[in-house]
PDB file of all heavy atoms in Angstrom:
ATOM      1  N   LYS A   1     -59.740  26.704  12.845  1.00  0.00           N
ATOM      2  CA  LYS A   1     -61.057  26.493  12.201  1.00  0.00           C
ATOM      3  C   LYS A   1     -61.705  25.176  12.772  1.00  0.00           C
ATOM      4  O   LYS A   1     -62.916  25.118  13.014  1.00  0.00           O
ATOM      5  CB  LYS A   1     -60.944  26.521  10.769  1.00  0.00           C
ATOM      6  CG  LYS A   1     -60.766  27.894  10.110  1.00  0.00           C
ATOM      7  CD  LYS A   1     -60.642  27.846   8.654  1.00  0.00           C
ATOM      8  CE  LYS A   1     -60.521  29.208   8.020  1.00  0.00           C
ATOM      9  NZ  LYS A   1     -60.347  29.234   6.566  1.00  0.00           N
ATOM     10  N   GLN A   2     -60.845  24.163  12.892  1.00  0.00           N
ATOM     11  CA  GLN A   2     -61.388  22.889  13.382  1.00  0.00           C
ATOM     12  C   GLN A   2     -61.837  23.014  14.825  1.00  0.00           C
ATOM     13  O   GLN A   2     -62.873  22.440  15.231  1.00  0.00           O
ATOM     14  CB  GLN A   2     -60.323  21.754  13.209  1.00  0.00           C
ATOM     15  CG  GLN A   2     -60.863  20.359  13.553  1.00  0.00           C
ATOM     16  CD  GLN A   2     -62.077  19.940  12.662  1.00  0.00           C
ATOM     17  OE1 GLN A   2     -63.195  20.361  13.018  1.00  0.00           O
ATOM     18  NE2 GLN A   2     -61.800  19.189  11.667  1.00  0.00           N
ATOM     19  N   ALA A   3     -61.027  23.707  15.642  1.00  0.00           N
ATOM     20  CA  ALA A   3     -61.423  23.862  17.021  1.00  0.00           C
ATOM     21  C   ALA A   3     -62.736  24.615  17.100  1.00  0.00           C
ATOM     22  O   ALA A   3     -63.634  24.294  17.953  1.00  0.00           O
ATOM     23  CB  ALA A   3     -60.321  24.652  17.762  1.00  0.00           C
ATOM     24  N   ALA A   4     -62.908  25.697  16.313  1.00  0.00           N
ATOM     25  CA  ALA A   4     -64.172  26.511  16.370  1.00  0.00           C
ATOM     26  C   ALA A   4     -65.301  25.589  15.876  1.00  0.00           C
ATOM     27  O   ALA A   4     -66.425  25.729  16.437  1.00  0.00           O
ATOM     28  CB  ALA A   4     -63.957  27.693  15.385  1.00  0.00           C
ATOM     29  N   ARG A   5     -65.104  24.712  14.867  1.00  0.00           N
ATOM     30  CA  ARG A   5     -66.126  23.824  14.416  1.00  0.00           C
ATOM     31  C   ARG A   5     -66.522  22.863  15.538  1.00  0.00           C
ATOM     32  O   ARG A   5     -67.767  22.625  15.715  1.00  0.00           O
ATOM     33  CB  ARG A   5     -65.625  23.102  13.183  1.00  0.00           C
ATOM     34  CG  ARG A   5     -66.622  22.213  12.500  1.00  0.00           C
ATOM     35  CD  ARG A   5     -65.949  21.487  11.316  1.00  0.00           C
ATOM     36  NE  ARG A   5     -66.882  20.661  10.576  1.00  0.00           N
ATOM     37  CZ  ARG A   5     -66.522  19.705   9.697  1.00  0.00           C
ATOM     38  NH1 ARG A   5     -65.260  19.447   9.564  1.00  0.00           N
ATOM     39  NH2 ARG A   5     -67.407  19.005   9.067  1.00  0.00           N
ATOM     40  N   TRP A   6     -65.578  22.315  16.195  1.00  0.00           N
ATOM     41  CA  TRP A   6     -65.943  21.423  17.275  1.00  0.00           C
ATOM     42  C   TRP A   6     -66.623  22.136  18.444  1.00  0.00           C
ATOM     43  O   TRP A   6     -67.467  21.517  19.157  1.00  0.00           O
ATOM     44  CB  TRP A   6     -64.659  20.726  17.769  1.00  0.00           C
ATOM     45  CG  TRP A   6     -64.179  19.582  16.759  1.00  0.00           C
ATOM     46  CD1 TRP A   6     -64.957  18.899  15.905  1.00  0.00           C
ATOM     47  CD2 TRP A   6     -62.870  19.095  16.728  1.00  0.00           C
ATOM     48  NE1 TRP A   6     -64.213  18.002  15.214  1.00  0.00           N
ATOM     49  CE2 TRP A   6     -62.920  18.083  15.635  1.00  0.00           C
ATOM     50  CE3 TRP A   6     -61.677  19.407  17.319  1.00  0.00           C
ATOM     51  CZ2 TRP A   6     -61.722  17.366  15.320  1.00  0.00           C
ATOM     52  CZ3 TRP A   6     -60.547  18.662  16.962  1.00  0.00           C
ATOM     53  CH2 TRP A   6     -60.645  17.722  15.960  1.00  0.00           C
ATOM     54  N   LEU A   7     -66.195  23.365  18.728  1.00  0.00           N
ATOM     55  CA  LEU A   7     -66.877  24.121  19.832  1.00  0.00           C
ATOM     56  C   LEU A   7     -68.405  24.292  19.476  1.00  0.00           C
ATOM     57  O   LEU A   7     -69.203  24.266  20.340  1.00  0.00           O
ATOM     58  CB  LEU A   7     -66.227  25.521  19.960  1.00  0.00           C
ATOM     59  CG  LEU A   7     -64.917  25.479  20.662  1.00  0.00           C
ATOM     60  CD1 LEU A   7     -64.192  26.837  20.479  1.00  0.00           C
ATOM     61  CD2 LEU A   7     -65.058  25.243  22.211  1.00  0.00           C
ATOM     62  N   THR A   8     -68.627  24.466  18.219  1.00  0.00           N
ATOM     63  CA  THR A   8     -70.107  24.642  17.797  1.00  0.00           C
ATOM     64  C   THR A   8     -70.849  23.411  17.672  1.00  0.00           C
ATOM     65  O   THR A   8     -71.990  23.373  18.044  1.00  0.00           O
ATOM     66  CB  THR A   8     -70.051  25.405  16.373  1.00  0.00           C
ATOM     67  OG1 THR A   8     -69.403  26.610  16.572  1.00  0.00           O
ATOM     68  CG2 THR A   8     -71.469  25.661  15.987  1.00  0.00           C
ATOM     69  N   GLN A   9     -70.204  22.351  17.179  1.00  0.00           N
ATOM     70  CA  GLN A   9     -70.968  21.101  16.744  1.00  0.00           C
ATOM     71  C   GLN A   9     -70.839  19.990  17.740  1.00  0.00           C
ATOM     72  O   GLN A   9     -71.582  18.959  17.564  1.00  0.00           O
ATOM     73  CB  GLN A   9     -70.485  20.687  15.395  1.00  0.00           C
ATOM     74  CG  GLN A   9     -70.650  21.684  14.282  1.00  0.00           C
ATOM     75  CD  GLN A   9     -70.116  21.198  12.956  1.00  0.00           C
ATOM     76  OE1 GLN A   9     -69.584  20.083  12.831  1.00  0.00           O
ATOM     77  NE2 GLN A   9     -70.299  22.018  11.982  1.00  0.00           N
ATOM     78  N   THR A  10     -70.006  20.051  18.734  1.00  0.00           N
ATOM     79  CA  THR A  10     -69.855  18.967  19.663  1.00  0.00           C
ATOM     80  C   THR A  10     -69.987  19.403  21.127  1.00  0.00           C
ATOM     81  O   THR A  10     -70.002  20.592  21.467  1.00  0.00           O
ATOM     82  CB  THR A  10     -68.460  18.206  19.530  1.00  0.00           C
ATOM     83  OG1 THR A  10     -67.509  19.091  20.185  1.00  0.00           O
ATOM     84  CG2 THR A  10     -68.151  18.027  18.103  1.00  0.00           C
ATOM     85  N   GLU A  11     -70.109  18.399  22.019  1.00  0.00           N
ATOM     86  CA  GLU A  11     -70.110  18.649  23.471  1.00  0.00           C
ATOM     87  C   GLU A  11     -68.734  18.345  24.066  1.00  0.00           C
ATOM     88  O   GLU A  11     -68.631  18.248  25.322  1.00  0.00           O
ATOM     89  CB  GLU A  11     -71.215  17.806  24.123  1.00  0.00           C
ATOM     90  CG  GLU A  11     -72.611  18.101  23.590  1.00  0.00           C
ATOM     91  CD  GLU A  11     -73.089  19.498  23.927  1.00  0.00           C
ATOM     92  OE1 GLU A  11     -72.571  20.048  24.966  1.00  0.00           O
ATOM     93  OE2 GLU A  11     -73.976  19.976  23.239  1.00  0.00           O
ATOM     94  N   LEU A  12     -67.727  18.160  23.286  1.00  0.00           N
ATOM     95  CA  LEU A  12     -66.396  17.820  23.856  1.00  0.00           C
ATOM     96  C   LEU A  12     -65.996  18.927  24.854  1.00  0.00           C
ATOM     97  O   LEU A  12     -66.123  20.122  24.565  1.00  0.00           O
ATOM     98  CB  LEU A  12     -65.398  17.713  22.745  1.00  0.00           C
ATOM     99  CG  LEU A  12     -65.464  16.564  21.795  1.00  0.00           C
ATOM    100  CD1 LEU A  12     -64.502  16.736  20.629  1.00  0.00           C
ATOM    101  CD2 LEU A  12     -65.090  15.324  22.553  1.00  0.00           C
ATOM    102  N   PRO A  13     -65.351  18.481  26.011  1.00  0.00           N
ATOM    103  CA  PRO A  13     -64.764  19.528  26.828  1.00  0.00           C
ATOM    104  C   PRO A  13     -63.726  20.289  26.110  1.00  0.00           C
ATOM    105  O   PRO A  13     -63.050  19.821  25.191  1.00  0.00           O
ATOM    106  CB  PRO A  13     -64.100  18.619  27.893  1.00  0.00           C
ATOM    107  CG  PRO A  13     -64.836  17.357  27.856  1.00  0.00           C
ATOM    108  CD  PRO A  13     -65.192  17.163  26.422  1.00  0.00           C
ATOM    109  N   ILE A  14     -63.607  21.563  26.426  1.00  0.00           N
ATOM    110  CA  ILE A  14     -62.724  22.476  25.656  1.00  0.00           C
ATOM    111  C   ILE A  14     -61.234  21.976  25.807  1.00  0.00           C
ATOM    112  O   ILE A  14     -60.535  21.998  24.780  1.00  0.00           O
ATOM    113  CB  ILE A  14     -62.780  23.931  26.238  1.00  0.00           C
ATOM    114  CG1 ILE A  14     -64.154  24.497  25.872  1.00  0.00           C
ATOM    115  CG2 ILE A  14     -61.719  24.795  25.631  1.00  0.00           C
ATOM    116  CD1 ILE A  14     -64.455  25.851  26.501  1.00  0.00           C
ATOM    117  N   SER A  15     -60.851  21.411  26.869  1.00  0.00           N
ATOM    118  CA  SER A  15     -59.487  20.932  27.031  1.00  0.00           C
ATOM    119  C   SER A  15     -59.261  19.774  26.073  1.00  0.00           C
ATOM    120  O   SER A  15     -58.141  19.668  25.492  1.00  0.00           O
ATOM    121  CB  SER A  15     -59.207  20.488  28.454  1.00  0.00           C
ATOM    122  OG  SER A  15     -60.119  19.451  28.870  1.00  0.00           O
ATOM    123  N   GLU A  16     -60.219  18.894  25.913  1.00  0.00           N
ATOM    124  CA  GLU A  16     -60.046  17.734  25.011  1.00  0.00           C
ATOM    125  C   GLU A  16     -60.048  18.101  23.481  1.00  0.00           C
ATOM    126  O   GLU A  16     -59.204  17.681  22.758  1.00  0.00           O
ATOM    127  CB  GLU A  16     -61.208  16.724  25.224  1.00  0.00           C
ATOM    128  CG  GLU A  16     -61.028  15.462  24.358  1.00  0.00           C
ATOM    129  CD  GLU A  16     -62.107  14.437  24.572  1.00  0.00           C
ATOM    130  OE1 GLU A  16     -62.847  14.527  25.644  1.00  0.00           O
ATOM    131  OE2 GLU A  16     -62.188  13.480  23.777  1.00  0.00           O
ATOM    132  N   LEU A  17     -60.920  19.000  23.115  1.00  0.00           N
ATOM    133  CA  LEU A  17     -60.989  19.436  21.742  1.00  0.00           C
ATOM    134  C   LEU A  17     -59.783  20.244  21.325  1.00  0.00           C
ATOM    135  O   LEU A  17     -59.261  20.207  20.259  1.00  0.00           O
ATOM    136  CB  LEU A  17     -62.284  20.098  21.318  1.00  0.00           C
ATOM    137  CG  LEU A  17     -62.565  21.488  21.906  1.00  0.00           C
ATOM    138  CD1 LEU A  17     -61.941  22.603  21.160  1.00  0.00           C
ATOM    139  CD2 LEU A  17     -64.159  21.728  21.903  1.00  0.00           C
ATOM    140  N   ALA A  18     -59.214  21.009  22.367  1.00  0.00           N
ATOM    141  CA  ALA A  18     -57.937  21.763  22.137  1.00  0.00           C
ATOM    142  C   ALA A  18     -56.830  20.826  21.797  1.00  0.00           C
ATOM    143  O   ALA A  18     -56.098  21.020  20.859  1.00  0.00           O
ATOM    144  CB  ALA A  18     -57.597  22.550  23.365  1.00  0.00           C
ATOM    145  N   TYR A  19     -56.774  19.685  22.584  1.00  0.00           N
ATOM    146  CA  TYR A  19     -55.716  18.696  22.330  1.00  0.00           C
ATOM    147  C   TYR A  19     -55.930  18.030  21.002  1.00  0.00           C
ATOM    148  O   TYR A  19     -54.914  17.896  20.213  1.00  0.00           O
ATOM    149  CB  TYR A  19     -55.733  17.646  23.410  1.00  0.00           C
ATOM    150  CG  TYR A  19     -54.790  16.500  23.243  1.00  0.00           C
ATOM    151  CD1 TYR A  19     -53.416  16.672  23.447  1.00  0.00           C
ATOM    152  CD2 TYR A  19     -55.219  15.227  22.825  1.00  0.00           C
ATOM    153  CE1 TYR A  19     -52.506  15.647  23.261  1.00  0.00           C
ATOM    154  CE2 TYR A  19     -54.334  14.252  22.567  1.00  0.00           C
ATOM    155  CZ  TYR A  19     -52.996  14.444  22.868  1.00  0.00           C
ATOM    156  OH  TYR A  19     -52.146  13.351  22.622  1.00  0.00           O
ATOM    157  N   ARG A  20     -57.197  17.705  20.686  1.00  0.00           N
ATOM    158  CA  ARG A  20     -57.435  17.006  19.378  1.00  0.00           C
ATOM    159  C   ARG A  20     -57.132  17.909  18.119  1.00  0.00           C
ATOM    160  O   ARG A  20     -56.772  17.402  17.102  1.00  0.00           O
ATOM    161  CB  ARG A  20     -58.913  16.599  19.242  1.00  0.00           C
ATOM    162  CG  ARG A  20     -59.330  15.477  20.215  1.00  0.00           C
ATOM    163  CD  ARG A  20     -60.769  14.979  19.902  1.00  0.00           C
ATOM    164  NE  ARG A  20     -61.162  13.966  20.804  1.00  0.00           N
ATOM    165  CZ  ARG A  20     -62.303  13.318  20.629  1.00  0.00           C
ATOM    166  NH1 ARG A  20     -63.054  13.586  19.646  1.00  0.00           N
ATOM    167  NH2 ARG A  20     -62.619  12.323  21.506  1.00  0.00           N
ATOM    168  N   ALA A  21     -57.307  19.242  18.356  1.00  0.00           N
ATOM    169  CA  ALA A  21     -56.979  20.212  17.300  1.00  0.00           C
ATOM    170  C   ALA A  21     -55.531  20.583  17.211  1.00  0.00           C
ATOM    171  O   ALA A  21     -55.145  21.239  16.218  1.00  0.00           O
ATOM    172  CB  ALA A  21     -57.790  21.482  17.507  1.00  0.00           C
ATOM    173  N   GLY A  22     -54.687  20.041  18.100  1.00  0.00           N
ATOM    174  CA  GLY A  22     -53.312  20.224  17.943  1.00  0.00           C
ATOM    175  C   GLY A  22     -52.657  21.245  18.898  1.00  0.00           C
ATOM    176  O   GLY A  22     -51.467  21.638  18.729  1.00  0.00           O
ATOM    177  N   TYR A  23     -53.456  21.714  19.889  1.00  0.00           N
ATOM    178  CA  TYR A  23     -52.925  22.629  20.852  1.00  0.00           C
ATOM    179  C   TYR A  23     -52.389  21.904  22.062  1.00  0.00           C
ATOM    180  O   TYR A  23     -52.858  20.834  22.437  1.00  0.00           O
ATOM    181  CB  TYR A  23     -54.027  23.618  21.293  1.00  0.00           C
ATOM    182  CG  TYR A  23     -54.473  24.508  20.123  1.00  0.00           C
ATOM    183  CD1 TYR A  23     -55.572  24.130  19.380  1.00  0.00           C
ATOM    184  CD2 TYR A  23     -53.785  25.688  19.845  1.00  0.00           C
ATOM    185  CE1 TYR A  23     -55.986  24.942  18.297  1.00  0.00           C
ATOM    186  CE2 TYR A  23     -54.198  26.508  18.752  1.00  0.00           C
ATOM    187  CZ  TYR A  23     -55.331  26.094  18.014  1.00  0.00           C
ATOM    188  OH  TYR A  23     -55.743  26.882  16.945  1.00  0.00           O
ATOM    189  N   SER A  24     -51.343  22.463  22.676  1.00  0.00           N
ATOM    190  CA  SER A  24     -50.735  21.788  23.802  1.00  0.00           C
ATOM    191  C   SER A  24     -51.634  21.692  25.027  1.00  0.00           C
ATOM    192  O   SER A  24     -51.605  20.742  25.761  1.00  0.00           O
ATOM    193  CB  SER A  24     -49.405  22.570  24.210  1.00  0.00           C
ATOM    194  OG  SER A  24     -49.660  23.917  24.537  1.00  0.00           O
TER     195      SER A  24
END
C-alpha cells in the first residue's frame, strides 16, 4: 500500500521507492 501511494503521489524512481517500501 505504501509503494502504491508513493507511485501515485511522488516522482520517486520506481527502483528507489521499491527500496524505501522494503523490497529488495
